[in-house]
Amino acid sequence: MTEQQPNQLNIEISEEVAEGAYANLAIITHSHAEFVIDFVNVMPGTPKSKVKSRIILTPQHAKRFMKAMTENIHKYEAINGTIKDLEEIELPMNFGGPTAQA
């Protein structure tokens, strides 16, 4: 049996949560007490999209999350090169889907 360190956090994840949910849009709102991040999967040609996941953070945790994301993006780019912003990428108009024919 291994002894757990006093400051070590034991985190478990269910199979359902471990599968994750794909999102290509994040909508961020806030009040004086919290930040709310809604993750949405928007599909081309679909008039309605559903929120796949909602995360609610205190302002302090939102700032820590922002710093952690910034650090991880820097690490990623150091290995894989600069991530281009969507405005810098030319997307095909069909988004990889079937081409409409008359």
N, C-alpha and C. Protein backbone atom coordinates (compact mmCIF):
# COMPACT_ATOMS: atom_id res chain seq x y z
N MET A 1 0.85 -1.19 0.00
CA MET A 1 0.00 0.00 0.00
C MET A 1 0.89 1.24 0.00
N THR A 2 0.60 2.19 -0.88
CA THR A 2 1.40 3.40 -0.94
C THR A 2 0.77 4.45 -0.04
N GLU A 3 1.62 5.17 0.62
CA GLU A 3 1.14 6.22 1.53
C GLU A 3 0.98 7.51 0.76
N GLN A 4 -0.17 8.16 0.89
CA GLN A 4 -0.44 9.42 0.19
C GLN A 4 0.21 10.57 0.94
N GLN A 5 0.86 11.44 0.18
CA GLN A 5 1.47 12.63 0.77
C GLN A 5 0.36 13.52 1.32
N PRO A 6 0.61 14.25 2.42
CA PRO A 6 -0.43 15.07 3.05
C PRO A 6 -1.01 16.14 2.13
N ASN A 7 -0.22 16.72 1.22
CA ASN A 7 -0.71 17.79 0.34
C ASN A 7 -1.08 17.27 -1.05
N GLN A 8 -1.08 15.94 -1.24
CA GLN A 8 -1.39 15.36 -2.53
C GLN A 8 -2.90 15.21 -2.69
N LEU A 9 -3.41 15.58 -3.86
CA LEU A 9 -4.84 15.51 -4.13
C LEU A 9 -5.12 14.28 -4.97
N ASN A 10 -6.05 13.45 -4.55
CA ASN A 10 -6.44 12.26 -5.28
C ASN A 10 -7.67 12.60 -6.12
N ILE A 11 -7.52 12.57 -7.45
CA ILE A 11 -8.60 12.95 -8.36
C ILE A 11 -9.04 11.73 -9.16
N GLU A 12 -10.35 11.50 -9.19
CA GLU A 12 -10.92 10.41 -9.98
C GLU A 12 -11.76 10.99 -11.10
N ILE A 13 -11.88 10.24 -12.20
CA ILE A 13 -12.70 10.68 -13.32
C ILE A 13 -13.54 9.50 -13.80
N SER A 14 -14.82 9.74 -14.01
CA SER A 14 -15.71 8.68 -14.49
C SER A 14 -15.44 8.45 -15.97
N GLU A 15 -15.87 7.30 -16.48
CA GLU A 15 -15.67 6.99 -17.90
C GLU A 15 -16.40 8.00 -18.78
N GLU A 16 -17.60 8.39 -18.37
CA GLU A 16 -18.40 9.34 -19.16
C GLU A 16 -17.68 10.69 -19.28
N VAL A 17 -17.16 11.19 -18.17
CA VAL A 17 -16.46 12.47 -18.18
C VAL A 17 -15.13 12.34 -18.93
N ALA A 18 -14.47 11.20 -18.80
CA ALA A 18 -13.18 10.99 -19.46
C ALA A 18 -13.31 11.02 -20.98
N GLU A 19 -14.48 10.67 -21.51
CA GLU A 19 -14.70 10.72 -22.96
C GLU A 19 -14.65 12.15 -23.47
N GLY A 20 -14.99 13.10 -22.64
CA GLY A 20 -14.95 14.50 -23.03
C GLY A 20 -16.13 14.89 -23.91
N ALA A 21 -16.22 16.16 -24.20
CA ALA A 21 -17.24 16.69 -25.10
C ALA A 21 -16.56 17.70 -26.01
N TYR A 22 -16.69 17.53 -27.31
CA TYR A 22 -16.06 18.44 -28.26
C TYR A 22 -16.80 19.78 -28.27
N ALA A 23 -16.04 20.85 -28.27
CA ALA A 23 -16.61 22.20 -28.36
C ALA A 23 -15.74 23.04 -29.28
N ASN A 24 -16.38 23.85 -30.12
CA ASN A 24 -15.63 24.76 -30.98
C ASN A 24 -16.03 26.21 -30.76
N LEU A 25 -16.75 26.44 -29.66
CA LEU A 25 -17.14 27.79 -29.27
C LEU A 25 -17.26 27.86 -27.75
N ALA A 26 -16.70 28.89 -27.17
CA ALA A 26 -16.85 29.12 -25.73
C ALA A 26 -17.47 30.50 -25.55
N ILE A 27 -18.52 30.54 -24.76
CA ILE A 27 -19.19 31.81 -24.46
C ILE A 27 -18.93 32.10 -22.99
N ILE A 28 -18.32 33.24 -22.72
CA ILE A 28 -17.93 33.58 -21.35
C ILE A 28 -18.74 34.78 -20.88
N THR A 29 -19.40 34.61 -19.72
CA THR A 29 -20.12 35.70 -19.08
C THR A 29 -19.66 35.77 -17.64
N HIS A 30 -19.95 36.89 -16.98
CA HIS A 30 -19.52 37.00 -15.58
C HIS A 30 -20.42 37.96 -14.81
N SER A 31 -20.42 37.74 -13.51
CA SER A 31 -21.06 38.65 -12.58
C SER A 31 -19.97 39.10 -11.62
N HIS A 32 -20.34 39.80 -10.57
CA HIS A 32 -19.32 40.21 -9.60
C HIS A 32 -18.77 39.02 -8.83
N ALA A 33 -19.49 37.90 -8.80
CA ALA A 33 -19.10 36.76 -7.96
C ALA A 33 -18.58 35.55 -8.72
N GLU A 34 -18.85 35.48 -10.05
CA GLU A 34 -18.45 34.27 -10.77
C GLU A 34 -18.30 34.50 -12.26
N PHE A 35 -17.52 33.62 -12.88
CA PHE A 35 -17.38 33.55 -14.33
C PHE A 35 -18.07 32.27 -14.78
N VAL A 36 -18.84 32.37 -15.86
CA VAL A 36 -19.52 31.21 -16.41
C VAL A 36 -19.00 30.99 -17.83
N ILE A 37 -18.50 29.78 -18.10
CA ILE A 37 -18.01 29.43 -19.43
C ILE A 37 -18.90 28.33 -19.97
N ASP A 38 -19.61 28.63 -21.07
CA ASP A 38 -20.44 27.65 -21.75
C ASP A 38 -19.67 27.16 -22.97
N PHE A 39 -19.49 25.84 -23.07
CA PHE A 39 -18.81 25.23 -24.20
C PHE A 39 -19.87 24.66 -25.14
N VAL A 40 -19.79 25.07 -26.43
CA VAL A 40 -20.81 24.74 -27.42
C VAL A 40 -20.15 24.08 -28.62
N ASN A 41 -20.85 23.13 -29.24
CA ASN A 41 -20.41 22.52 -30.49
C ASN A 41 -21.33 23.04 -31.59
N VAL A 42 -20.81 23.97 -32.40
CA VAL A 42 -21.59 24.57 -33.48
C VAL A 42 -21.25 23.83 -34.77
N MET A 43 -22.28 23.30 -35.43
CA MET A 43 -22.08 22.58 -36.68
C MET A 43 -22.61 23.43 -37.84
N PRO A 44 -21.85 23.51 -38.94
CA PRO A 44 -22.31 24.28 -40.10
C PRO A 44 -23.64 23.75 -40.61
N GLY A 45 -24.52 24.66 -40.98
CA GLY A 45 -25.81 24.29 -41.53
C GLY A 45 -26.85 23.91 -40.48
N THR A 46 -26.48 23.96 -39.22
CA THR A 46 -27.41 23.65 -38.14
C THR A 46 -27.85 24.95 -37.50
N PRO A 47 -29.15 25.26 -37.51
CA PRO A 47 -29.60 26.55 -36.98
C PRO A 47 -29.55 26.67 -35.46
N LYS A 48 -29.47 25.53 -34.77
CA LYS A 48 -29.50 25.56 -33.31
C LYS A 48 -28.37 24.69 -32.76
N SER A 49 -27.70 25.18 -31.72
CA SER A 49 -26.63 24.43 -31.08
C SER A 49 -26.89 24.39 -29.58
N LYS A 50 -26.46 23.30 -28.95
CA LYS A 50 -26.66 23.15 -27.52
C LYS A 50 -25.36 23.33 -26.76
N VAL A 51 -25.49 23.84 -25.55
CA VAL A 51 -24.34 23.92 -24.65
C VAL A 51 -23.99 22.49 -24.25
N LYS A 52 -22.73 22.09 -24.45
CA LYS A 52 -22.27 20.75 -24.12
C LYS A 52 -21.80 20.65 -22.68
N SER A 53 -21.27 21.78 -22.17
CA SER A 53 -20.76 21.79 -20.81
C SER A 53 -20.73 23.22 -20.30
N ARG A 54 -20.99 23.39 -19.02
CA ARG A 54 -20.93 24.71 -18.39
C ARG A 54 -20.02 24.60 -17.17
N ILE A 55 -19.06 25.51 -17.10
CA ILE A 55 -18.14 25.56 -15.97
C ILE A 55 -18.33 26.91 -15.28
N ILE A 56 -18.50 26.88 -13.96
CA ILE A 56 -18.68 28.10 -13.17
C ILE A 56 -17.47 28.24 -12.24
N LEU A 57 -16.81 29.39 -12.31
CA LEU A 57 -15.59 29.64 -11.55
C LEU A 57 -15.70 30.92 -10.74
N THR A 58 -15.01 30.95 -9.61
CA THR A 58 -14.86 32.22 -8.89
C THR A 58 -13.92 33.10 -9.70
N PRO A 59 -13.93 34.41 -9.50
CA PRO A 59 -12.99 35.26 -10.23
C PRO A 59 -11.53 34.84 -10.01
N GLN A 60 -11.18 34.43 -8.80
CA GLN A 60 -9.82 34.00 -8.51
C GLN A 60 -9.46 32.74 -9.30
N HIS A 61 -10.38 31.78 -9.36
CA HIS A 61 -10.11 30.56 -10.12
C HIS A 61 -10.10 30.82 -11.62
N ALA A 62 -10.92 31.76 -12.08
CA ALA A 62 -10.92 32.12 -13.50
C ALA A 62 -9.56 32.70 -13.89
N LYS A 63 -8.99 33.52 -13.03
CA LYS A 63 -7.68 34.10 -13.32
C LYS A 63 -6.59 33.02 -13.30
N ARG A 64 -6.67 32.09 -12.35
CA ARG A 64 -5.71 30.98 -12.30
C ARG A 64 -5.85 30.10 -13.54
N PHE A 65 -7.10 29.88 -14.00
CA PHE A 65 -7.34 29.10 -15.20
C PHE A 65 -6.72 29.78 -16.42
N MET A 66 -6.90 31.11 -16.52
CA MET A 66 -6.32 31.87 -17.63
C MET A 66 -4.80 31.74 -17.63
N LYS A 67 -4.17 31.87 -16.47
CA LYS A 67 -2.71 31.74 -16.38
C LYS A 67 -2.26 30.34 -16.77
N ALA A 68 -2.99 29.32 -16.32
CA ALA A 68 -2.64 27.93 -16.65
C ALA A 68 -2.79 27.69 -18.15
N MET A 69 -3.84 28.22 -18.77
CA MET A 69 -4.02 28.07 -20.22
C MET A 69 -2.89 28.76 -20.98
N THR A 70 -2.53 29.97 -20.55
CA THR A 70 -1.44 30.70 -21.19
C THR A 70 -0.13 29.92 -21.11
N GLU A 71 0.19 29.39 -19.94
CA GLU A 71 1.41 28.60 -19.76
C GLU A 71 1.39 27.37 -20.66
N ASN A 72 0.26 26.69 -20.73
CA ASN A 72 0.18 25.47 -21.53
C ASN A 72 0.23 25.77 -23.02
N ILE A 73 -0.34 26.87 -23.46
CA ILE A 73 -0.25 27.26 -24.87
C ILE A 73 1.19 27.57 -25.23
N HIS A 74 1.91 28.27 -24.35
CA HIS A 74 3.34 28.56 -24.60
C HIS A 74 4.13 27.26 -24.73
N LYS A 75 3.87 26.29 -23.84
CA LYS A 75 4.56 24.99 -23.89
C LYS A 75 4.23 24.26 -25.19
N TYR A 76 2.97 24.26 -25.57
CA TYR A 76 2.54 23.60 -26.81
C TYR A 76 3.24 24.22 -28.02
N GLU A 77 3.22 25.57 -28.08
CA GLU A 77 3.82 26.26 -29.23
C GLU A 77 5.33 26.08 -29.28
N ALA A 78 5.98 25.93 -28.13
CA ALA A 78 7.43 25.69 -28.11
C ALA A 78 7.76 24.36 -28.78
N ILE A 79 6.86 23.39 -28.68
CA ILE A 79 7.09 22.07 -29.27
C ILE A 79 6.53 21.98 -30.68
N ASN A 80 5.33 22.53 -30.90
CA ASN A 80 4.59 22.32 -32.15
C ASN A 80 4.53 23.52 -33.08
N GLY A 81 5.05 24.65 -32.67
CA GLY A 81 4.98 25.84 -33.49
C GLY A 81 3.76 26.69 -33.13
N THR A 82 3.74 27.89 -33.66
CA THR A 82 2.69 28.86 -33.34
C THR A 82 1.32 28.36 -33.79
N ILE A 83 0.35 28.50 -32.92
CA ILE A 83 -1.04 28.19 -33.25
C ILE A 83 -1.59 29.40 -33.99
N LYS A 84 -2.08 29.17 -35.21
CA LYS A 84 -2.65 30.28 -35.98
C LYS A 84 -4.07 30.54 -35.51
N ASP A 85 -4.40 31.82 -35.39
CA ASP A 85 -5.76 32.21 -35.04
C ASP A 85 -6.67 31.90 -36.23
N LEU A 86 -7.95 31.65 -35.98
CA LEU A 86 -8.87 31.32 -37.07
C LEU A 86 -8.90 32.38 -38.16
N GLU A 87 -8.70 33.65 -37.79
CA GLU A 87 -8.71 34.72 -38.78
C GLU A 87 -7.52 34.59 -39.74
N GLU A 88 -6.48 33.86 -39.33
CA GLU A 88 -5.28 33.70 -40.16
C GLU A 88 -5.38 32.48 -41.08
N ILE A 89 -6.38 31.63 -40.87
CA ILE A 89 -6.51 30.40 -41.63
C ILE A 89 -7.63 30.55 -42.65
N GLU A 90 -7.35 30.16 -43.91
CA GLU A 90 -8.39 30.19 -44.93
C GLU A 90 -9.16 28.88 -44.85
N LEU A 91 -10.42 28.97 -44.44
CA LEU A 91 -11.26 27.79 -44.34
C LEU A 91 -12.03 27.59 -45.63
N PRO A 92 -12.12 26.34 -46.10
CA PRO A 92 -12.96 26.11 -47.28
C PRO A 92 -14.42 26.35 -46.91
N MET A 93 -15.19 26.83 -47.85
CA MET A 93 -16.58 27.17 -47.57
C MET A 93 -17.45 25.96 -47.23
N ASN A 94 -17.04 24.75 -47.64
CA ASN A 94 -17.87 23.58 -47.34
C ASN A 94 -17.47 22.91 -46.03
N PHE A 95 -16.45 23.39 -45.34
CA PHE A 95 -16.01 22.87 -44.05
C PHE A 95 -15.76 21.37 -44.10
N GLY A 96 -15.39 20.84 -45.26
CA GLY A 96 -15.09 19.43 -45.36
C GLY A 96 -16.30 18.54 -45.56
N GLY A 97 -17.49 19.12 -45.61
CA GLY A 97 -18.70 18.34 -45.79
C GLY A 97 -18.98 18.08 -47.26
N PRO A 98 -20.06 17.40 -47.54
CA PRO A 98 -20.40 17.12 -48.95
C PRO A 98 -20.73 18.41 -49.70
N THR A 99 -20.37 18.45 -50.96
CA THR A 99 -20.65 19.61 -51.80
C THR A 99 -22.05 19.47 -52.38
N ALA A 100 -22.83 20.54 -52.29
CA ALA A 100 -24.19 20.51 -52.82
C ALA A 100 -24.15 20.50 -54.34
N GLN A 101 -25.03 19.71 -54.93
CA GLN A 101 -25.11 19.65 -56.38
C GLN A 101 -26.56 19.82 -56.82
N ALA A 102 -26.77 20.50 -57.98
CA ALA A 102 -28.13 20.71 -58.49
C ALA A 102 -28.49 19.65 -59.49
